[in-house]
Amino acid sequence: MSVLDDIKELIDSAQKILIVTHENPDGDAIGSSLGFMHGLRKLEKDVTVFIPYINKMYNFLPGSDEIRHELSDDEKFDLCIALDSSDIERLGEGKKWFDKADKTIVIDHHITNQNYGDANYVNAVACSTCQNIIVVLASLEVAINKVMGTCIYAGMLTDTGGFRYNVQSETFEFVSMLLEAGIEIAPIYRNLFDLTTEARTRLLGRALERLEVLEDGKITYTYVTKADEAEFNCEDGDYENIVNYGRNIEGVEVSIFFREIEEGKIKVSLRANDYVDVSLIASKYAGGGHLRAAGFSISGSMEQSKNIVIDEIKKQLQ
């Protein structure tokens, strides 16, 4: 039996299903969770999506208002499905429910996935976990409709940076399927890439003021603190995409964005253009990601973190 057969058997045997994903979920995590939720409900399954927090920029996705942010201890699930998470620790609060479930499935596209489920569908060639969800739904004989397609397209769009990275010819074959299902591209793109808030714009301005360029223009970095976020009354997620502004500067190979999570703990986002494998650096600090986009958390002050990470990048440039 193939892994898709195993997944079908586990889903057929389950009635009460929980979907979880990684901490600080991005568009692929949220889109795959909601798209798969809608798909499994076509099979008349009782499906719950548990994500403690999502950025309000994803509120336009169908079913986002049904996401559970808390679960009670007495709840029980026949099957727990982890999406877009390369290892069990990245599930955060979801790990508890993954451990408690009778059976588990992992669906992902990260090459570093540790295959920690009873059945694991990991296709690292896929541009996103959402692309893998299309394959799994087809194996379950679930026809994708506009609602599912909207969620899935959002994940594919965000994880490829607007179809700029990790894209193959088959990526657009899958997009063609979603178009045939009736998705409307323009409003999805506008919600994900164009709409912003005053707080997000002011935080970006602060970060751009601090932008530094090093190593003859090959490295750029910036940072924001908890105080910055409080000053502008920011919400979680208002810092998303700041790291990309440094990468877009001509001649830059690696862009680094440091964000203070709490005193003594810094979140680091890395983006590369052509030849530096930032996933190697992230994995060194128990993080993860892709060849040109990765992230991790590090203990220490902002200055200590900057020195450590910038030194690591300099080594990669050599």
C-alpha atoms as a PDB file:
ATOM      1  CA  MET A   1       0.000   0.000   0.000  1.00  0.00           C
ATOM      2  CA  SER A   2       1.137   3.561  -0.721  1.00  0.00           C
ATOM      3  CA  VAL A   3       1.203   6.270   1.917  1.00  0.00           C
ATOM      4  CA  LEU A   4      -1.859   7.833   0.257  1.00  0.00           C
ATOM      5  CA  ASP A   5      -3.672   4.532   0.739  1.00  0.00           C
ATOM      6  CA  ASP A   6      -2.631   4.543   4.391  1.00  0.00           C
ATOM      7  CA  ILE A   7      -3.924   8.080   4.805  1.00  0.00           C
ATOM      8  CA  LYS A   8      -7.236   7.183   3.172  1.00  0.00           C
ATOM      9  CA  GLU A   9      -7.619   4.198   5.485  1.00  0.00           C
ATOM     10  CA  LEU A  10      -6.937   6.307   8.581  1.00  0.00           C
ATOM     11  CA  ILE A  11      -9.393   8.995   7.481  1.00  0.00           C
ATOM     12  CA  ASP A  12     -12.075   6.466   6.524  1.00  0.00           C
ATOM     13  CA  SER A  13     -11.749   4.891   9.975  1.00  0.00           C
ATOM     14  CA  ALA A  14     -12.010   8.187  11.862  1.00  0.00           C
ATOM     15  CA  GLN A  15     -15.022  10.334  12.584  1.00  0.00           C
ATOM     16  CA  LYS A  16     -13.737  13.042  14.920  1.00  0.00           C
ATOM     17  CA  ILE A  17     -10.660  14.667  13.345  1.00  0.00           C
ATOM     18  CA  LEU A  18      -8.393  17.442  14.587  1.00  0.00           C
ATOM     19  CA  ILE A  19      -6.111  19.497  12.323  1.00  0.00           C
ATOM     20  CA  VAL A  20      -3.096  21.271  13.843  1.00  0.00           C
ATOM     21  CA  THR A  21      -0.184  23.201  12.368  1.00  0.00           C
ATOM     22  CA  HIS A  22       3.003  24.950  13.407  1.00  0.00           C
ATOM     23  CA  GLU A  23       3.362  27.905  15.765  1.00  0.00           C
ATOM     24  CA  ASN A  24       3.196  31.402  14.256  1.00  0.00           C
ATOM     25  CA  PRO A  25       1.272  30.012  11.270  1.00  0.00           C
ATOM     26  CA  ASP A  26       1.831  31.476   7.819  1.00  0.00           C
ATOM     27  CA  GLY A  27      -0.456  31.436   4.806  1.00  0.00           C
ATOM     28  CA  ASP A  28       0.452  27.870   3.845  1.00  0.00           C
ATOM     29  CA  ALA A  29      -0.259  26.579   7.356  1.00  0.00           C
ATOM     30  CA  ILE A  30      -3.609  28.340   7.584  1.00  0.00           C
ATOM     31  CA  GLY A  31      -4.638  27.764   3.972  1.00  0.00           C
ATOM     32  CA  SER A  32      -3.862  24.044   4.082  1.00  0.00           C
ATOM     33  CA  SER A  33      -5.657  23.649   7.418  1.00  0.00           C
ATOM     34  CA  LEU A  34      -8.832  25.349   6.208  1.00  0.00           C
ATOM     35  CA  GLY A  35      -8.740  23.816   2.739  1.00  0.00           C
ATOM     36  CA  PHE A  36      -8.371  20.318   4.180  1.00  0.00           C
ATOM     37  CA  MET A  37     -11.076  21.001   6.779  1.00  0.00           C
ATOM     38  CA  HIS A  38     -13.572  21.855   4.036  1.00  0.00           C
ATOM     39  CA  GLY A  39     -12.484  18.825   2.023  1.00  0.00           C
ATOM     40  CA  LEU A  40     -12.825  16.349   4.890  1.00  0.00           C
ATOM     41  CA  ARG A  41     -16.257  17.716   5.713  1.00  0.00           C
ATOM     42  CA  LYS A  42     -17.324  16.650   2.214  1.00  0.00           C
ATOM     43  CA  LEU A  43     -16.682  13.132   3.536  1.00  0.00           C
ATOM     44  CA  GLU A  44     -19.065  13.921   6.420  1.00  0.00           C
ATOM     45  CA  LYS A  45     -16.275  13.974   8.983  1.00  0.00           C
ATOM     46  CA  ASP A  46     -16.453  15.994  12.204  1.00  0.00           C
ATOM     47  CA  VAL A  47     -13.420  18.239  11.667  1.00  0.00           C
ATOM     48  CA  THR A  48     -11.891  20.796  14.044  1.00  0.00           C
ATOM     49  CA  VAL A  49      -9.015  23.132  13.190  1.00  0.00           C
ATOM     50  CA  PHE A  50      -6.991  24.192  16.238  1.00  0.00           C
ATOM     51  CA  ILE A  51      -4.716  27.220  15.825  1.00  0.00           C
ATOM     52  CA  PRO A  52      -4.141  29.313  18.963  1.00  0.00           C
ATOM     53  CA  TYR A  53      -3.688  32.543  17.002  1.00  0.00           C
ATOM     54  CA  ILE A  54      -3.910  33.687  13.390  1.00  0.00           C
ATOM     55  CA  ASN A  55      -3.139  37.071  11.899  1.00  0.00           C
ATOM     56  CA  LYS A  56      -6.322  38.921  10.955  1.00  0.00           C
ATOM     57  CA  MET A  57      -5.026  39.302   7.393  1.00  0.00           C
ATOM     58  CA  TYR A  58      -6.262  35.714   6.900  1.00  0.00           C
ATOM     59  CA  ASN A  59      -9.778  36.432   8.175  1.00  0.00           C
ATOM     60  CA  PHE A  60     -11.075  36.615   4.595  1.00  0.00           C
ATOM     61  CA  LEU A  61     -10.454  32.892   4.085  1.00  0.00           C
ATOM     62  CA  PRO A  62     -13.642  30.788   4.181  1.00  0.00           C
ATOM     63  CA  GLY A  63     -13.958  29.042   7.524  1.00  0.00           C
ATOM     64  CA  SER A  64     -11.424  31.218   9.365  1.00  0.00           C
ATOM     65  CA  ASP A  65     -14.150  32.135  11.868  1.00  0.00           C
ATOM     66  CA  GLU A  66     -14.505  28.425  12.717  1.00  0.00           C
ATOM     67  CA  ILE A  67     -10.883  27.997  13.803  1.00  0.00           C
ATOM     68  CA  ARG A  68     -10.697  26.980  17.460  1.00  0.00           C
ATOM     69  CA  HIS A  69      -8.160  28.940  19.506  1.00  0.00           C
ATOM     70  CA  GLU A  70      -8.626  26.820  22.630  1.00  0.00           C
ATOM     71  CA  LEU A  71      -9.566  23.210  23.339  1.00  0.00           C
ATOM     72  CA  SER A  72     -10.877  21.765  26.596  1.00  0.00           C
ATOM     73  CA  ASP A  73      -8.909  18.957  28.254  1.00  0.00           C
ATOM     74  CA  ASP A  74     -11.794  16.490  28.030  1.00  0.00           C
ATOM     75  CA  GLU A  75     -12.022  16.629  24.236  1.00  0.00           C
ATOM     76  CA  LYS A  76     -10.887  13.534  22.365  1.00  0.00           C
ATOM     77  CA  PHE A  77     -10.136  12.915  18.690  1.00  0.00           C
ATOM     78  CA  ASP A  78      -9.882   9.706  16.674  1.00  0.00           C
ATOM     79  CA  LEU A  79      -7.310  11.247  14.367  1.00  0.00           C
ATOM     80  CA  CYS A  80      -4.964  14.235  14.506  1.00  0.00           C
ATOM     81  CA  ILE A  81      -3.492  15.624  11.277  1.00  0.00           C
ATOM     82  CA  ALA A  82      -0.401  17.847  11.456  1.00  0.00           C
ATOM     83  CA  LEU A  83       0.085  20.128   8.457  1.00  0.00           C
ATOM     84  CA  ASP A  84       3.123  22.125   7.312  1.00  0.00           C
ATOM     85  CA  SER A  85       5.197  21.279  10.401  1.00  0.00           C
ATOM     86  CA  SER A  86       8.549  19.562   9.922  1.00  0.00           C
ATOM     87  CA  ASP A  87       8.773  18.232  13.474  1.00  0.00           C
ATOM     88  CA  ILE A  88       6.452  17.643  16.386  1.00  0.00           C
ATOM     89  CA  GLU A  89       7.995  20.348  18.587  1.00  0.00           C
ATOM     90  CA  ARG A  90       7.022  23.033  16.074  1.00  0.00           C
ATOM     91  CA  LEU A  91       3.358  22.205  16.726  1.00  0.00           C
ATOM     92  CA  GLY A  92       3.505  24.166  19.975  1.00  0.00           C
ATOM     93  CA  GLU A  93       0.212  23.735  21.833  1.00  0.00           C
ATOM     94  CA  GLY A  94      -0.916  21.358  19.103  1.00  0.00           C
ATOM     95  CA  LYS A  95       1.720  18.811  20.174  1.00  0.00           C
ATOM     96  CA  LYS A  96      -0.350  17.882  23.217  1.00  0.00           C
ATOM     97  CA  TRP A  97      -3.318  16.971  21.020  1.00  0.00           C
ATOM     98  CA  PHE A  98      -1.186  15.179  18.462  1.00  0.00           C
ATOM     99  CA  ASP A  99       0.226  13.017  21.249  1.00  0.00           C
ATOM    100  CA  LYS A 100      -3.238  12.294  22.671  1.00  0.00           C
ATOM    101  CA  ALA A 101      -4.923  11.267  19.417  1.00  0.00           C
ATOM    102  CA  ASP A 102      -5.542   7.592  18.656  1.00  0.00           C
ATOM    103  CA  LYS A 103      -3.948   7.901  15.200  1.00  0.00           C
ATOM    104  CA  THR A 104      -1.889  10.584  13.452  1.00  0.00           C
ATOM    105  CA  ILE A 105      -1.108  11.830   9.961  1.00  0.00           C
ATOM    106  CA  VAL A 106       1.598  14.271   8.833  1.00  0.00           C
ATOM    107  CA  ILE A 107       1.310  16.177   5.531  1.00  0.00           C
ATOM    108  CA  ASP A 108       4.156  18.532   4.710  1.00  0.00           C
ATOM    109  CA  HIS A 109       6.586  19.787   2.044  1.00  0.00           C
ATOM    110  CA  HIS A 110       9.699  20.501   4.141  1.00  0.00           C
ATOM    111  CA  ILE A 111      12.659  18.311   3.253  1.00  0.00           C
ATOM    112  CA  THR A 112      13.639  18.295   6.949  1.00  0.00           C
ATOM    113  CA  ASN A 113      10.389  16.604   8.005  1.00  0.00           C
ATOM    114  CA  GLN A 114      10.965  13.943  10.670  1.00  0.00           C
ATOM    115  CA  ASN A 115       8.040  11.680   9.639  1.00  0.00           C
ATOM    116  CA  TYR A 116       6.573  11.663  13.129  1.00  0.00           C
ATOM    117  CA  GLY A 117       3.057  10.465  12.263  1.00  0.00           C
ATOM    118  CA  ASP A 118       1.511   7.038  11.811  1.00  0.00           C
ATOM    119  CA  ALA A 119       1.277   7.973   8.120  1.00  0.00           C
ATOM    120  CA  ASN A 120       3.477  10.656   6.549  1.00  0.00           C
ATOM    121  CA  TYR A 121       2.958  12.299   3.161  1.00  0.00           C
ATOM    122  CA  VAL A 122       5.970  14.548   2.622  1.00  0.00           C
ATOM    123  CA  ASN A 123       6.643  15.777  -0.906  1.00  0.00           C
ATOM    124  CA  ALA A 124       9.483  18.285  -0.689  1.00  0.00           C
ATOM    125  CA  VAL A 125       9.292  19.057  -4.400  1.00  0.00           C
ATOM    126  CA  ALA A 126       5.855  20.616  -3.928  1.00  0.00           C
ATOM    127  CA  CYS A 127       5.809  24.403  -3.653  1.00  0.00           C
ATOM    128  CA  SER A 128       3.704  24.249  -0.504  1.00  0.00           C
ATOM    129  CA  THR A 129       1.779  21.987   1.823  1.00  0.00           C
ATOM    130  CA  CYS A 130      -1.339  23.323   0.106  1.00  0.00           C
ATOM    131  CA  GLN A 131      -0.166  21.719  -3.143  1.00  0.00           C
ATOM    132  CA  ASN A 132       0.160  18.407  -1.312  1.00  0.00           C
ATOM    133  CA  ILE A 133      -3.366  18.846   0.055  1.00  0.00           C
ATOM    134  CA  ILE A 134      -4.644  18.873  -3.540  1.00  0.00           C
ATOM    135  CA  VAL A 135      -3.006  15.476  -4.113  1.00  0.00           C
ATOM    136  CA  VAL A 136      -4.382  14.017  -0.887  1.00  0.00           C
ATOM    137  CA  LEU A 137      -7.906  15.278  -1.611  1.00  0.00           C
ATOM    138  CA  ALA A 138      -7.728  13.685  -5.063  1.00  0.00           C
ATOM    139  CA  SER A 139      -6.744  10.359  -3.477  1.00  0.00           C
ATOM    140  CA  LEU A 140      -9.797  10.703  -1.211  1.00  0.00           C
ATOM    141  CA  GLU A 141     -11.939  11.382  -4.300  1.00  0.00           C
ATOM    142  CA  VAL A 142     -12.945  14.803  -3.022  1.00  0.00           C
ATOM    143  CA  ALA A 143     -13.565  17.325  -5.803  1.00  0.00           C
ATOM    144  CA  ILE A 144     -12.141  20.747  -4.958  1.00  0.00           C
ATOM    145  CA  ASN A 145     -14.697  23.544  -4.970  1.00  0.00           C
ATOM    146  CA  LYS A 146     -14.310  27.333  -4.786  1.00  0.00           C
ATOM    147  CA  VAL A 147     -14.232  27.396  -0.968  1.00  0.00           C
ATOM    148  CA  MET A 148     -11.472  24.801  -0.690  1.00  0.00           C
ATOM    149  CA  GLY A 149      -9.639  26.295  -3.669  1.00  0.00           C
ATOM    150  CA  THR A 150      -9.573  29.791  -2.197  1.00  0.00           C
ATOM    151  CA  CYS A 151      -7.840  28.538   0.959  1.00  0.00           C
ATOM    152  CA  ILE A 152      -5.428  26.321  -0.950  1.00  0.00           C
ATOM    153  CA  TYR A 153      -4.507  29.025  -3.468  1.00  0.00           C
ATOM    154  CA  ALA A 154      -3.770  31.461  -0.615  1.00  0.00           C
ATOM    155  CA  GLY A 155      -1.234  29.028   0.812  1.00  0.00           C
ATOM    156  CA  MET A 156       0.408  28.370  -2.548  1.00  0.00           C
ATOM    157  CA  LEU A 157       0.568  32.089  -3.278  1.00  0.00           C
ATOM    158  CA  THR A 158       2.180  33.064   0.027  1.00  0.00           C
ATOM    159  CA  ASP A 159       4.655  30.188   0.283  1.00  0.00           C
ATOM    160  CA  THR A 160       6.041  30.935  -3.171  1.00  0.00           C
ATOM    161  CA  GLY A 161       6.220  34.698  -2.626  1.00  0.00           C
ATOM    162  CA  GLY A 162       3.666  35.281  -5.361  1.00  0.00           C
ATOM    163  CA  PHE A 163       4.934  32.340  -7.465  1.00  0.00           C
ATOM    164  CA  ARG A 164       8.517  33.559  -7.521  1.00  0.00           C
ATOM    165  CA  TYR A 165      10.218  30.790  -5.511  1.00  0.00           C
ATOM    166  CA  ASN A 166      10.170  26.977  -5.492  1.00  0.00           C
ATOM    167  CA  VAL A 167       7.931  26.846  -8.548  1.00  0.00           C
ATOM    168  CA  GLN A 168       7.820  24.079 -11.154  1.00  0.00           C
ATOM    169  CA  SER A 169       5.644  23.609 -14.219  1.00  0.00           C
ATOM    170  CA  GLU A 170       3.300  21.361 -12.242  1.00  0.00           C
ATOM    171  CA  THR A 171       2.685  24.244  -9.805  1.00  0.00           C
ATOM    172  CA  PHE A 172       0.718  26.041 -12.479  1.00  0.00           C
ATOM    173  CA  GLU A 173      -1.082  22.863 -13.455  1.00  0.00           C
ATOM    174  CA  PHE A 174      -2.419  22.746  -9.902  1.00  0.00           C
ATOM    175  CA  VAL A 175      -3.314  26.459 -10.061  1.00  0.00           C
ATOM    176  CA  SER A 176      -5.207  25.752 -13.289  1.00  0.00           C
ATOM    177  CA  MET A 177      -7.280  23.178 -11.385  1.00  0.00           C
ATOM    178  CA  LEU A 178      -8.121  25.781  -8.755  1.00  0.00           C
ATOM    179  CA  LEU A 179      -9.150  28.294 -11.414  1.00  0.00           C
ATOM    180  CA  GLU A 180     -11.477  25.690 -12.891  1.00  0.00           C
ATOM    181  CA  ALA A 181     -12.960  25.306  -9.401  1.00  0.00           C
ATOM    182  CA  GLY A 182     -13.946  28.978  -9.553  1.00  0.00           C
ATOM    183  CA  ILE A 183     -11.416  30.811  -7.356  1.00  0.00           C
ATOM    184  CA  GLU A 184     -11.104  34.585  -7.799  1.00  0.00           C
ATOM    185  CA  ILE A 185      -7.422  35.517  -7.891  1.00  0.00           C
ATOM    186  CA  ALA A 186      -7.611  39.313  -7.574  1.00  0.00           C
ATOM    187  CA  PRO A 187      -9.299  39.566  -4.139  1.00  0.00           C
ATOM    188  CA  ILE A 188      -7.055  36.824  -2.718  1.00  0.00           C
ATOM    189  CA  TYR A 189      -3.939  38.672  -3.895  1.00  0.00           C
ATOM    190  CA  ARG A 190      -5.234  42.013  -2.611  1.00  0.00           C
ATOM    191  CA  ASN A 191      -5.986  40.645   0.858  1.00  0.00           C
ATOM    192  CA  LEU A 192      -2.590  38.971   1.153  1.00  0.00           C
ATOM    193  CA  PHE A 193      -0.237  41.471  -0.478  1.00  0.00           C
ATOM    194  CA  ASP A 194      -1.877  44.884  -0.849  1.00  0.00           C
ATOM    195  CA  LEU A 195      -4.034  45.574   2.206  1.00  0.00           C
ATOM    196  CA  THR A 196      -2.233  46.866   5.291  1.00  0.00           C
ATOM    197  CA  THR A 197      -2.890  48.826   8.493  1.00  0.00           C
ATOM    198  CA  GLU A 198      -1.468  52.011   9.952  1.00  0.00           C
ATOM    199  CA  ALA A 199       0.273  50.051  12.722  1.00  0.00           C
ATOM    200  CA  ARG A 200       1.907  47.648  10.256  1.00  0.00           C
ATOM    201  CA  THR A 201       3.024  50.533   8.037  1.00  0.00           C
ATOM    202  CA  ARG A 202       4.545  52.479  10.933  1.00  0.00           C
ATOM    203  CA  LEU A 203       6.382  49.387  12.217  1.00  0.00           C
ATOM    204  CA  LEU A 204       7.794  48.850   8.732  1.00  0.00           C
ATOM    205  CA  GLY A 205       8.928  52.477   8.701  1.00  0.00           C
ATOM    206  CA  ARG A 206      10.756  52.003  11.984  1.00  0.00           C
ATOM    207  CA  ALA A 207      12.459  48.870  10.677  1.00  0.00           C
ATOM    208  CA  LEU A 208      13.533  50.583   7.447  1.00  0.00           C
ATOM    209  CA  GLU A 209      15.024  53.478   9.423  1.00  0.00           C
ATOM    210  CA  ARG A 210      17.281  50.961  11.190  1.00  0.00           C
ATOM    211  CA  LEU A 211      18.303  49.054   8.078  1.00  0.00           C
ATOM    212  CA  GLU A 212      22.040  48.325   7.942  1.00  0.00           C
ATOM    213  CA  VAL A 213      24.036  47.039   4.966  1.00  0.00           C
ATOM    214  CA  LEU A 214      27.200  44.980   5.486  1.00  0.00           C
ATOM    215  CA  GLU A 215      29.838  42.985   3.584  1.00  0.00           C
ATOM    216  CA  ASP A 216      29.995  45.241   0.523  1.00  0.00           C
ATOM    217  CA  GLY A 217      26.229  45.197   0.176  1.00  0.00           C
ATOM    218  CA  LYS A 218      25.753  41.428   0.435  1.00  0.00           C
ATOM    219  CA  ILE A 219      24.079  41.391   3.876  1.00  0.00           C
ATOM    220  CA  THR A 220      21.341  43.595   5.213  1.00  0.00           C
ATOM    221  CA  TYR A 221      19.614  43.479   8.586  1.00  0.00           C
ATOM    222  CA  THR A 222      17.119  45.339  10.695  1.00  0.00           C
ATOM    223  CA  TYR A 223      15.146  44.774  13.881  1.00  0.00           C
ATOM    224  CA  VAL A 224      12.117  45.726  15.952  1.00  0.00           C
ATOM    225  CA  THR A 225      11.563  45.515  19.698  1.00  0.00           C
ATOM    226  CA  LYS A 226       8.586  44.875  21.932  1.00  0.00           C
ATOM    227  CA  ALA A 227       8.644  48.586  22.717  1.00  0.00           C
ATOM    228  CA  ASP A 228       8.259  49.411  19.011  1.00  0.00           C
ATOM    229  CA  GLU A 229       5.256  47.126  18.714  1.00  0.00           C
ATOM    230  CA  ALA A 230       3.687  48.636  21.837  1.00  0.00           C
ATOM    231  CA  GLU A 231       4.314  52.189  20.597  1.00  0.00           C
ATOM    232  CA  PHE A 232       2.378  51.575  17.390  1.00  0.00           C
ATOM    233  CA  ASN A 233      -0.221  49.308  19.015  1.00  0.00           C
ATOM    234  CA  CYS A 234       0.776  46.439  16.735  1.00  0.00           C
ATOM    235  CA  GLU A 235      -0.816  43.009  16.604  1.00  0.00           C
ATOM    236  CA  ASP A 236       0.901  39.669  16.137  1.00  0.00           C
ATOM    237  CA  GLY A 237       1.883  39.354  12.504  1.00  0.00           C
ATOM    238  CA  ASP A 238       2.367  43.057  11.779  1.00  0.00           C
ATOM    239  CA  TYR A 239       6.070  42.271  11.333  1.00  0.00           C
ATOM    240  CA  GLU A 240       5.472  39.748   8.542  1.00  0.00           C
ATOM    241  CA  ASN A 241       7.314  40.442   5.277  1.00  0.00           C
ATOM    242  CA  ILE A 242       9.627  43.104   6.761  1.00  0.00           C
ATOM    243  CA  VAL A 243      12.545  40.765   6.055  1.00  0.00           C
ATOM    244  CA  ASN A 244      11.809  40.865   2.327  1.00  0.00           C
ATOM    245  CA  TYR A 245      12.550  44.573   1.994  1.00  0.00           C
ATOM    246  CA  GLY A 246      16.238  44.008   2.681  1.00  0.00           C
ATOM    247  CA  ARG A 247      16.421  41.136   0.223  1.00  0.00           C
ATOM    248  CA  ASN A 248      15.002  43.334  -2.519  1.00  0.00           C
ATOM    249  CA  ILE A 249      17.967  45.730  -2.403  1.00  0.00           C
ATOM    250  CA  GLU A 250      20.241  45.351  -5.415  1.00  0.00           C
ATOM    251  CA  GLY A 251      23.326  43.258  -4.631  1.00  0.00           C
ATOM    252  CA  VAL A 252      22.006  41.804  -1.369  1.00  0.00           C
ATOM    253  CA  GLU A 253      22.353  38.038  -0.942  1.00  0.00           C
ATOM    254  CA  VAL A 254      20.974  37.623   2.607  1.00  0.00           C
ATOM    255  CA  SER A 255      18.451  39.708   4.509  1.00  0.00           C
ATOM    256  CA  ILE A 256      18.060  39.261   8.276  1.00  0.00           C
ATOM    257  CA  PHE A 257      15.196  40.461  10.434  1.00  0.00           C
ATOM    258  CA  PHE A 258      15.411  40.329  14.230  1.00  0.00           C
ATOM    259  CA  ARG A 259      12.276  40.626  16.353  1.00  0.00           C
ATOM    260  CA  GLU A 260      12.219  40.715  20.135  1.00  0.00           C
ATOM    261  CA  ILE A 261       9.734  38.090  21.346  1.00  0.00           C
ATOM    262  CA  GLU A 262      10.388  38.712  25.027  1.00  0.00           C
ATOM    263  CA  GLU A 263      13.319  39.858  27.120  1.00  0.00           C
ATOM    264  CA  GLY A 264      16.238  37.586  26.315  1.00  0.00           C
ATOM    265  CA  LYS A 265      14.607  35.863  23.333  1.00  0.00           C
ATOM    266  CA  ILE A 266      14.838  36.923  19.695  1.00  0.00           C
ATOM    267  CA  LYS A 267      13.051  35.581  16.598  1.00  0.00           C
ATOM    268  CA  VAL A 268      15.267  35.585  13.506  1.00  0.00           C
ATOM    269  CA  SER A 269      13.959  35.523   9.928  1.00  0.00           C
ATOM    270  CA  LEU A 270      16.372  34.864   7.057  1.00  0.00           C
ATOM    271  CA  ARG A 271      15.921  35.359   3.319  1.00  0.00           C
ATOM    272  CA  ALA A 272      18.472  34.677   0.588  1.00  0.00           C
ATOM    273  CA  ASN A 273      18.547  35.394  -3.125  1.00  0.00           C
ATOM    274  CA  ASP A 274      20.884  33.136  -5.073  1.00  0.00           C
ATOM    275  CA  TYR A 275      23.341  30.855  -3.311  1.00  0.00           C
ATOM    276  CA  VAL A 276      23.253  30.924   0.507  1.00  0.00           C
ATOM    277  CA  ASP A 277      21.313  28.052   2.095  1.00  0.00           C
ATOM    278  CA  VAL A 278      19.712  29.755   5.090  1.00  0.00           C
ATOM    279  CA  SER A 279      17.983  26.535   6.173  1.00  0.00           C
ATOM    280  CA  LEU A 280      21.396  25.225   7.303  1.00  0.00           C
ATOM    281  CA  ILE A 281      21.752  28.150   9.682  1.00  0.00           C
ATOM    282  CA  ALA A 282      18.190  27.815  10.959  1.00  0.00           C
ATOM    283  CA  SER A 283      18.571  24.090  11.626  1.00  0.00           C
ATOM    284  CA  LYS A 284      21.698  24.801  13.690  1.00  0.00           C
ATOM    285  CA  TYR A 285      19.432  26.666  16.122  1.00  0.00           C
ATOM    286  CA  ALA A 286      16.500  24.201  16.061  1.00  0.00           C
ATOM    287  CA  GLY A 287      14.664  26.215  13.431  1.00  0.00           C
ATOM    288  CA  GLY A 288      13.536  25.290   9.970  1.00  0.00           C
ATOM    289  CA  GLY A 289      12.441  26.421   6.574  1.00  0.00           C
ATOM    290  CA  HIS A 290      13.636  26.314   3.008  1.00  0.00           C
ATOM    291  CA  LEU A 291      16.804  26.881   1.015  1.00  0.00           C
ATOM    292  CA  ARG A 292      16.196  30.616   0.630  1.00  0.00           C
ATOM    293  CA  ALA A 293      13.718  31.293   3.454  1.00  0.00           C
ATOM    294  CA  ALA A 294      14.074  30.097   7.036  1.00  0.00           C
ATOM    295  CA  GLY A 295      13.719  31.157  10.644  1.00  0.00           C
ATOM    296  CA  PHE A 296      14.491  30.287  14.252  1.00  0.00           C
ATOM    297  CA  SER A 297      14.516  31.656  17.791  1.00  0.00           C
ATOM    298  CA  ILE A 298      17.651  32.394  19.778  1.00  0.00           C
ATOM    299  CA  SER A 299      18.269  33.244  23.435  1.00  0.00           C
ATOM    300  CA  GLY A 300      20.173  36.401  24.306  1.00  0.00           C
ATOM    301  CA  SER A 301      19.966  40.144  23.939  1.00  0.00           C
ATOM    302  CA  MET A 302      19.327  41.851  20.618  1.00  0.00           C
ATOM    303  CA  GLU A 303      23.005  42.802  20.279  1.00  0.00           C
ATOM    304  CA  GLN A 304      24.218  39.302  21.118  1.00  0.00           C
ATOM    305  CA  SER A 305      21.782  37.774  18.646  1.00  0.00           C
ATOM    306  CA  LYS A 306      22.802  40.148  15.882  1.00  0.00           C
ATOM    307  CA  ASN A 307      26.488  39.378  16.368  1.00  0.00           C
ATOM    308  CA  ILE A 308      25.954  35.602  16.388  1.00  0.00           C
ATOM    309  CA  VAL A 309      23.699  35.458  13.336  1.00  0.00           C
ATOM    310  CA  ILE A 310      25.638  37.962  11.246  1.00  0.00           C
ATOM    311  CA  ASP A 311      28.848  35.998  11.891  1.00  0.00           C
ATOM    312  CA  GLU A 312      27.086  32.821  10.729  1.00  0.00           C
ATOM    313  CA  ILE A 313      25.943  34.554   7.522  1.00  0.00           C
ATOM    314  CA  LYS A 314      29.432  35.864   6.848  1.00  0.00           C
ATOM    315  CA  LYS A 315      30.767  32.307   7.013  1.00  0.00           C
ATOM    316  CA  GLN A 316      28.148  31.190   4.499  1.00  0.00           C
ATOM    317  CA  LEU A 317      29.139  33.979   2.123  1.00  0.00           C
ATOM    318  CA  GLN A 318      32.711  32.659   2.090  1.00  0.00           C
END
